[in-house]
Amino acid sequence: MTIKQQDILNSILESLKEMKPMQTSELPNINLYMDQLTTFMNERLAHTKRYEEDKVLTKTMINNYAKNNILPPPEKKQYSSAHLVTLIFIYYFKNILSIMDIQKILDPIHEKYFDAKEFSIQKVYDEVLALEDGAMDKLIEDVSEKFATSRESYLDAPEEDREFLQQFAFICELCFDIYLKKLIVEKLIDELPDRSQKAREAKEKKKAAKAAAKAKEKKK
């Protein structure tokens, strides 16, 4: 084990400790237009970017989410805190799940809680954050153990290759862990009832009701 490798890992783990999930109390208490929305999300989630030039959220992304029915349409071109919570969910889900899987997860959430006053989608998000309390400490402990295990591998390899091979083993350990968890998530999603058709019908009904209300208002 080299001091350099241990220092790099310690630096990465320390940076993870600084990554605090966005709280609903931090969300704006007013509705936002598209430019305000993208500015807010890019500023508040900047710490999650891999490269400085990466964008957390763009207008094109938002339009694609709406087109794929995983983001409810805005009200008068304005996005509420419920929209922001949905976008936070999408931001983290999209790294490991397909658009279809994200839709299957979020459709029933939107159907029941998006416009709810008491048990809202914000409340759903808060409960998720509560469940994740302390998860970072467990993750750091697990990653540190995997790193220590990888240092015991390739001891019979040529000395000039040993450090790279041990780093390779460490990366493989982490990737396999992610793969297994992704597999579990996908199988859990496959067991969920397909409510996408019902959700689409509900959206169409709501859209038609709004159009009828607007038409009635114009006649006055």
C-alpha atoms as a PDB file:
ATOM      1  CA  MET A   1       0.000   0.000   0.000  1.00  0.00           C
ATOM      2  CA  THR A   2       1.398   3.383  -0.959  1.00  0.00           C
ATOM      3  CA  ILE A   3       0.885   6.552   1.023  1.00  0.00           C
ATOM      4  CA  LYS A   4      -0.218   8.277  -2.185  1.00  0.00           C
ATOM      5  CA  GLN A   5      -3.096   5.863  -2.806  1.00  0.00           C
ATOM      6  CA  GLN A   6      -4.277   6.123   0.804  1.00  0.00           C
ATOM      7  CA  ASP A   7      -4.104   9.923   0.653  1.00  0.00           C
ATOM      8  CA  ILE A   8      -6.140   9.990  -2.572  1.00  0.00           C
ATOM      9  CA  LEU A   9      -8.816   7.773  -1.045  1.00  0.00           C
ATOM     10  CA  ASN A  10      -8.916   9.844   2.155  1.00  0.00           C
ATOM     11  CA  SER A  11      -9.314  13.003   0.087  1.00  0.00           C
ATOM     12  CA  ILE A  12     -12.199  11.464  -1.899  1.00  0.00           C
ATOM     13  CA  LEU A  13     -13.949  10.249   1.245  1.00  0.00           C
ATOM     14  CA  GLU A  14     -13.538  13.638   2.922  1.00  0.00           C
ATOM     15  CA  SER A  15     -15.106  15.329  -0.112  1.00  0.00           C
ATOM     16  CA  LEU A  16     -18.055  12.928   0.112  1.00  0.00           C
ATOM     17  CA  LYS A  17     -18.704  14.077   3.679  1.00  0.00           C
ATOM     18  CA  GLU A  18     -19.255  17.586   2.330  1.00  0.00           C
ATOM     19  CA  MET A  19     -21.976  16.403  -0.066  1.00  0.00           C
ATOM     20  CA  LYS A  20     -25.111  17.212   1.881  1.00  0.00           C
ATOM     21  CA  PRO A  21     -28.465  16.367   0.246  1.00  0.00           C
ATOM     22  CA  MET A  22     -30.639  19.366  -0.519  1.00  0.00           C
ATOM     23  CA  GLN A  23     -33.301  19.900   2.141  1.00  0.00           C
ATOM     24  CA  THR A  24     -36.860  20.925   1.274  1.00  0.00           C
ATOM     25  CA  SER A  25     -36.395  23.882   3.628  1.00  0.00           C
ATOM     26  CA  GLU A  26     -33.779  25.179   1.163  1.00  0.00           C
ATOM     27  CA  LEU A  27     -36.190  25.221  -1.777  1.00  0.00           C
ATOM     28  CA  PRO A  28     -37.569  28.602  -2.931  1.00  0.00           C
ATOM     29  CA  ASN A  29     -40.976  29.463  -1.508  1.00  0.00           C
ATOM     30  CA  ILE A  30     -42.034  30.953  -4.837  1.00  0.00           C
ATOM     31  CA  ASN A  31     -42.548  29.385  -8.241  1.00  0.00           C
ATOM     32  CA  LEU A  32     -39.670  29.703 -10.710  1.00  0.00           C
ATOM     33  CA  TYR A  33     -39.458  30.322 -14.429  1.00  0.00           C
ATOM     34  CA  MET A  34     -37.237  28.067 -16.534  1.00  0.00           C
ATOM     35  CA  ASP A  35     -34.076  30.234 -16.331  1.00  0.00           C
ATOM     36  CA  GLN A  36     -34.485  30.694 -12.572  1.00  0.00           C
ATOM     37  CA  LEU A  37     -34.992  26.946 -12.163  1.00  0.00           C
ATOM     38  CA  THR A  38     -31.868  25.909 -14.075  1.00  0.00           C
ATOM     39  CA  THR A  39     -29.775  28.565 -12.290  1.00  0.00           C
ATOM     40  CA  PHE A  40     -30.963  27.394  -8.872  1.00  0.00           C
ATOM     41  CA  MET A  41     -30.380  23.697  -9.567  1.00  0.00           C
ATOM     42  CA  ASN A  42     -26.968  24.250 -11.165  1.00  0.00           C
ATOM     43  CA  GLU A  43     -25.842  26.319  -8.194  1.00  0.00           C
ATOM     44  CA  ARG A  44     -27.187  24.056  -5.448  1.00  0.00           C
ATOM     45  CA  LEU A  45     -25.991  20.780  -7.015  1.00  0.00           C
ATOM     46  CA  ALA A  46     -22.680  22.075  -8.360  1.00  0.00           C
ATOM     47  CA  HIS A  47     -20.770  19.959  -5.808  1.00  0.00           C
ATOM     48  CA  THR A  48     -21.995  16.764  -7.518  1.00  0.00           C
ATOM     49  CA  LYS A  49     -20.438  17.569 -10.891  1.00  0.00           C
ATOM     50  CA  ARG A  50     -17.447  15.566 -12.089  1.00  0.00           C
ATOM     51  CA  TYR A  51     -16.103  18.292 -14.387  1.00  0.00           C
ATOM     52  CA  GLU A  52     -16.433  22.042 -13.982  1.00  0.00           C
ATOM     53  CA  GLU A  53     -18.032  22.440 -17.425  1.00  0.00           C
ATOM     54  CA  ASP A  54     -20.752  19.848 -16.694  1.00  0.00           C
ATOM     55  CA  LYS A  55     -24.329  21.064 -16.407  1.00  0.00           C
ATOM     56  CA  VAL A  56     -26.586  19.730 -13.669  1.00  0.00           C
ATOM     57  CA  LEU A  57     -29.724  20.750 -15.527  1.00  0.00           C
ATOM     58  CA  THR A  58     -30.511  22.412 -18.848  1.00  0.00           C
ATOM     59  CA  LYS A  59     -33.681  23.559 -20.621  1.00  0.00           C
ATOM     60  CA  THR A  60     -33.288  20.664 -23.051  1.00  0.00           C
ATOM     61  CA  MET A  61     -33.129  18.150 -20.203  1.00  0.00           C
ATOM     62  CA  ILE A  62     -36.262  19.584 -18.586  1.00  0.00           C
ATOM     63  CA  ASN A  63     -38.154  19.516 -21.879  1.00  0.00           C
ATOM     64  CA  ASN A  64     -37.085  15.909 -22.448  1.00  0.00           C
ATOM     65  CA  TYR A  65     -38.251  14.916 -18.958  1.00  0.00           C
ATOM     66  CA  ALA A  66     -41.636  16.489 -19.651  1.00  0.00           C
ATOM     67  CA  LYS A  67     -41.780  14.821 -23.077  1.00  0.00           C
ATOM     68  CA  ASN A  68     -41.065  11.433 -21.468  1.00  0.00           C
ATOM     69  CA  ASN A  69     -43.780  12.010 -18.833  1.00  0.00           C
ATOM     70  CA  ILE A  70     -41.468  11.933 -15.834  1.00  0.00           C
ATOM     71  CA  LEU A  71     -41.922  15.627 -15.021  1.00  0.00           C
ATOM     72  CA  PRO A  72     -45.397  17.190 -14.718  1.00  0.00           C
ATOM     73  CA  PRO A  73     -45.932  20.294 -16.879  1.00  0.00           C
ATOM     74  CA  PRO A  74     -45.393  23.718 -15.305  1.00  0.00           C
ATOM     75  CA  GLU A  75     -48.252  25.994 -14.287  1.00  0.00           C
ATOM     76  CA  LYS A  76     -48.219  29.124 -16.465  1.00  0.00           C
ATOM     77  CA  LYS A  77     -44.573  28.404 -17.340  1.00  0.00           C
ATOM     78  CA  GLN A  78     -43.669  28.351 -13.652  1.00  0.00           C
ATOM     79  CA  TYR A  79     -42.200  25.470 -11.663  1.00  0.00           C
ATOM     80  CA  SER A  80     -43.184  24.809  -8.050  1.00  0.00           C
ATOM     81  CA  SER A  81     -41.210  23.226  -5.216  1.00  0.00           C
ATOM     82  CA  ALA A  82     -42.926  19.941  -6.167  1.00  0.00           C
ATOM     83  CA  HIS A  83     -41.270  20.221  -9.599  1.00  0.00           C
ATOM     84  CA  LEU A  84     -37.911  20.853  -7.948  1.00  0.00           C
ATOM     85  CA  VAL A  85     -38.251  17.788  -5.729  1.00  0.00           C
ATOM     86  CA  THR A  86     -39.106  15.702  -8.806  1.00  0.00           C
ATOM     87  CA  LEU A  87     -36.024  17.044 -10.598  1.00  0.00           C
ATOM     88  CA  ILE A  88     -33.811  16.157  -7.624  1.00  0.00           C
ATOM     89  CA  PHE A  89     -35.149  12.589  -7.713  1.00  0.00           C
ATOM     90  CA  ILE A  90     -34.591  12.420 -11.482  1.00  0.00           C
ATOM     91  CA  TYR A  91     -31.065  13.820 -11.160  1.00  0.00           C
ATOM     92  CA  TYR A  92     -29.965  10.997  -8.889  1.00  0.00           C
ATOM     93  CA  PHE A  93     -32.028   8.249 -10.532  1.00  0.00           C
ATOM     94  CA  LYS A  94     -30.806   8.952 -14.078  1.00  0.00           C
ATOM     95  CA  ASN A  95     -27.255   7.867 -13.231  1.00  0.00           C
ATOM     96  CA  ILE A  96     -28.356   4.274 -12.701  1.00  0.00           C
ATOM     97  CA  LEU A  97     -31.889   3.858 -14.090  1.00  0.00           C
ATOM     98  CA  SER A  98     -33.504   4.084 -17.507  1.00  0.00           C
ATOM     99  CA  ILE A  99     -36.129   6.729 -18.299  1.00  0.00           C
ATOM    100  CA  MET A 100     -38.745   3.963 -18.351  1.00  0.00           C
ATOM    101  CA  ASP A 101     -37.764   2.789 -14.861  1.00  0.00           C
ATOM    102  CA  ILE A 102     -37.780   6.349 -13.521  1.00  0.00           C
ATOM    103  CA  GLN A 103     -41.248   6.868 -14.955  1.00  0.00           C
ATOM    104  CA  LYS A 104     -42.489   3.666 -13.360  1.00  0.00           C
ATOM    105  CA  ILE A 105     -41.209   4.806  -9.965  1.00  0.00           C
ATOM    106  CA  LEU A 106     -42.401   8.410 -10.160  1.00  0.00           C
ATOM    107  CA  ASP A 107     -45.810   7.980 -11.846  1.00  0.00           C
ATOM    108  CA  PRO A 108     -47.594   6.769  -8.698  1.00  0.00           C
ATOM    109  CA  ILE A 109     -45.768   9.388  -6.613  1.00  0.00           C
ATOM    110  CA  HIS A 110     -46.961  12.165  -8.920  1.00  0.00           C
ATOM    111  CA  GLU A 111     -50.448  10.732  -9.169  1.00  0.00           C
ATOM    112  CA  LYS A 112     -51.002  10.719  -5.402  1.00  0.00           C
ATOM    113  CA  TYR A 113     -48.669  13.305  -3.897  1.00  0.00           C
ATOM    114  CA  PHE A 114     -47.576  15.932  -6.461  1.00  0.00           C
ATOM    115  CA  ASP A 115     -50.471  18.310  -5.795  1.00  0.00           C
ATOM    116  CA  ALA A 116     -51.321  16.991  -2.322  1.00  0.00           C
ATOM    117  CA  LYS A 117     -51.489  19.516   0.505  1.00  0.00           C
ATOM    118  CA  GLU A 118     -50.825  17.360   3.561  1.00  0.00           C
ATOM    119  CA  PHE A 119     -48.780  14.290   2.553  1.00  0.00           C
ATOM    120  CA  SER A 120     -47.027  15.919  -0.387  1.00  0.00           C
ATOM    121  CA  ILE A 121     -44.127  14.905  -2.610  1.00  0.00           C
ATOM    122  CA  GLN A 122     -41.991  17.165  -0.412  1.00  0.00           C
ATOM    123  CA  LYS A 123     -42.949  14.961   2.554  1.00  0.00           C
ATOM    124  CA  VAL A 124     -42.043  11.855   0.515  1.00  0.00           C
ATOM    125  CA  TYR A 125     -38.615  13.382  -0.158  1.00  0.00           C
ATOM    126  CA  ASP A 126     -38.098  14.307   3.507  1.00  0.00           C
ATOM    127  CA  GLU A 127     -38.821  10.713   4.542  1.00  0.00           C
ATOM    128  CA  VAL A 128     -36.196   9.462   2.073  1.00  0.00           C
ATOM    129  CA  LEU A 129     -33.625  11.861   3.534  1.00  0.00           C
ATOM    130  CA  ALA A 130     -34.449  10.648   7.040  1.00  0.00           C
ATOM    131  CA  LEU A 131     -33.823   7.051   5.959  1.00  0.00           C
ATOM    132  CA  GLU A 132     -30.440   8.031   4.535  1.00  0.00           C
ATOM    133  CA  ASP A 133     -29.273   9.666   7.757  1.00  0.00           C
ATOM    134  CA  GLY A 134     -26.025   7.965   8.758  1.00  0.00           C
ATOM    135  CA  ALA A 135     -25.689   6.225   5.382  1.00  0.00           C
ATOM    136  CA  MET A 136     -22.539   8.192   4.530  1.00  0.00           C
ATOM    137  CA  ASP A 137     -20.672   6.844   7.569  1.00  0.00           C
ATOM    138  CA  LYS A 138     -21.601   3.273   6.612  1.00  0.00           C
ATOM    139  CA  LEU A 139     -20.538   3.860   3.011  1.00  0.00           C
ATOM    140  CA  ILE A 140     -17.156   5.282   4.043  1.00  0.00           C
ATOM    141  CA  GLU A 141     -16.569   2.304   6.335  1.00  0.00           C
ATOM    142  CA  ASP A 142     -17.490  -0.152   3.573  1.00  0.00           C
ATOM    143  CA  VAL A 143     -15.301   1.578   0.965  1.00  0.00           C
ATOM    144  CA  SER A 144     -12.367   1.667   3.390  1.00  0.00           C
ATOM    145  CA  GLU A 145     -12.719  -2.070   4.006  1.00  0.00           C
ATOM    146  CA  LYS A 146     -12.787  -2.776   0.263  1.00  0.00           C
ATOM    147  CA  PHE A 147      -9.689  -0.647  -0.181  1.00  0.00           C
ATOM    148  CA  ALA A 148      -7.867  -2.596   2.552  1.00  0.00           C
ATOM    149  CA  THR A 149      -8.906  -5.884   0.928  1.00  0.00           C
ATOM    150  CA  SER A 150      -7.614  -4.754  -2.469  1.00  0.00           C
ATOM    151  CA  ARG A 151      -4.215  -4.008  -0.922  1.00  0.00           C
ATOM    152  CA  GLU A 152      -3.884  -7.726  -0.181  1.00  0.00           C
ATOM    153  CA  SER A 153      -4.335  -8.707  -3.839  1.00  0.00           C
ATOM    154  CA  TYR A 154      -1.692  -9.253  -6.552  1.00  0.00           C
ATOM    155  CA  LEU A 155       1.092  -9.682  -4.009  1.00  0.00           C
ATOM    156  CA  ASP A 156       2.829 -12.067  -6.422  1.00  0.00           C
ATOM    157  CA  ALA A 157       2.544  -9.681  -9.400  1.00  0.00           C
ATOM    158  CA  PRO A 158       5.629  -7.869 -10.754  1.00  0.00           C
ATOM    159  CA  GLU A 159       6.438  -5.029  -8.374  1.00  0.00           C
ATOM    160  CA  GLU A 160       6.211  -2.371 -11.096  1.00  0.00           C
ATOM    161  CA  ASP A 161       2.602  -3.467 -11.880  1.00  0.00           C
ATOM    162  CA  ARG A 162       1.383  -4.202  -8.375  1.00  0.00           C
ATOM    163  CA  GLU A 163       0.083  -0.745  -7.494  1.00  0.00           C
ATOM    164  CA  PHE A 164      -1.954  -0.431 -10.701  1.00  0.00           C
ATOM    165  CA  LEU A 165      -3.371  -3.948 -10.355  1.00  0.00           C
ATOM    166  CA  GLN A 166      -4.403  -3.322  -6.755  1.00  0.00           C
ATOM    167  CA  GLN A 167      -6.126  -0.099  -7.834  1.00  0.00           C
ATOM    168  CA  PHE A 168      -7.818  -2.080 -10.603  1.00  0.00           C
ATOM    169  CA  ALA A 169      -8.997  -4.657  -8.042  1.00  0.00           C
ATOM    170  CA  PHE A 170     -10.387  -1.870  -5.844  1.00  0.00           C
ATOM    171  CA  ILE A 171     -12.311  -0.350  -8.762  1.00  0.00           C
ATOM    172  CA  CYS A 172     -13.666  -3.789  -9.690  1.00  0.00           C
ATOM    173  CA  GLU A 173     -14.860  -4.361  -6.107  1.00  0.00           C
ATOM    174  CA  LEU A 174     -16.745  -1.069  -6.122  1.00  0.00           C
ATOM    175  CA  CYS A 175     -18.211  -1.686  -9.584  1.00  0.00           C
ATOM    176  CA  PHE A 176     -19.428  -5.162  -8.625  1.00  0.00           C
ATOM    177  CA  ASP A 177     -21.107  -3.725  -5.538  1.00  0.00           C
ATOM    178  CA  ILE A 178     -22.859  -1.095  -7.687  1.00  0.00           C
ATOM    179  CA  TYR A 179     -23.849  -3.725 -10.264  1.00  0.00           C
ATOM    180  CA  LEU A 180     -25.469  -5.967  -7.644  1.00  0.00           C
ATOM    181  CA  LYS A 181     -27.385  -3.090  -6.071  1.00  0.00           C
ATOM    182  CA  LYS A 182     -28.524  -1.882  -9.498  1.00  0.00           C
ATOM    183  CA  LEU A 183     -29.717  -5.422 -10.258  1.00  0.00           C
ATOM    184  CA  ILE A 184     -31.712  -5.486  -7.010  1.00  0.00           C
ATOM    185  CA  VAL A 185     -33.268  -2.080  -7.786  1.00  0.00           C
ATOM    186  CA  GLU A 186     -34.268  -3.184 -11.300  1.00  0.00           C
ATOM    187  CA  LYS A 187     -35.866  -6.379  -9.997  1.00  0.00           C
ATOM    188  CA  LEU A 188     -37.790  -4.385  -7.378  1.00  0.00           C
ATOM    189  CA  ILE A 189     -39.016  -2.010 -10.092  1.00  0.00           C
ATOM    190  CA  ASP A 190     -40.061  -4.964 -12.242  1.00  0.00           C
ATOM    191  CA  GLU A 191     -42.287  -6.108  -9.375  1.00  0.00           C
ATOM    192  CA  LEU A 192     -44.094  -2.767  -9.202  1.00  0.00           C
ATOM    193  CA  PRO A 193     -47.520  -2.643 -10.866  1.00  0.00           C
ATOM    194  CA  ASP A 194     -47.456  -0.859 -14.209  1.00  0.00           C
ATOM    195  CA  ARG A 195     -49.425   2.289 -13.508  1.00  0.00           C
ATOM    196  CA  SER A 196     -48.109   4.318 -16.430  1.00  0.00           C
ATOM    197  CA  GLN A 197     -51.332   3.940 -18.452  1.00  0.00           C
ATOM    198  CA  LYS A 198     -53.436   5.000 -15.493  1.00  0.00           C
ATOM    199  CA  ALA A 199     -51.113   7.915 -14.830  1.00  0.00           C
ATOM    200  CA  ARG A 200     -51.280   9.014 -18.493  1.00  0.00           C
ATOM    201  CA  GLU A 201     -55.067   8.882 -18.388  1.00  0.00           C
ATOM    202  CA  ALA A 202     -55.088  10.967 -15.215  1.00  0.00           C
ATOM    203  CA  LYS A 203     -52.785  13.531 -16.827  1.00  0.00           C
ATOM    204  CA  GLU A 204     -54.948  13.718 -19.940  1.00  0.00           C
ATOM    205  CA  LYS A 205     -58.066  14.145 -17.790  1.00  0.00           C
ATOM    206  CA  LYS A 206     -56.416  16.937 -15.823  1.00  0.00           C
ATOM    207  CA  LYS A 207     -55.227  18.603 -19.033  1.00  0.00           C
ATOM    208  CA  ALA A 208     -58.709  18.422 -20.536  1.00  0.00           C
ATOM    209  CA  ALA A 209     -60.246  19.907 -17.384  1.00  0.00           C
ATOM    210  CA  LYS A 210     -57.834  22.840 -17.518  1.00  0.00           C
ATOM    211  CA  ALA A 211     -58.569  23.431 -21.199  1.00  0.00           C
ATOM    212  CA  ALA A 212     -62.309  23.365 -20.488  1.00  0.00           C
ATOM    213  CA  ALA A 213     -61.877  25.824 -17.623  1.00  0.00           C
ATOM    214  CA  LYS A 214     -59.912  28.203 -19.848  1.00  0.00           C
ATOM    215  CA  ALA A 215     -62.498  27.972 -22.619  1.00  0.00           C
ATOM    216  CA  LYS A 216     -65.281  28.701 -20.121  1.00  0.00           C
ATOM    217  CA  GLU A 217     -63.356  31.697 -18.784  1.00  0.00           C
ATOM    218  CA  LYS A 218     -62.917  33.125 -22.298  1.00  0.00           C
ATOM    219  CA  LYS A 219     -66.661  32.968 -22.930  1.00  0.00           C
ATOM    220  CA  LYS A 220     -67.391  35.196 -19.927  1.00  0.00           C
END
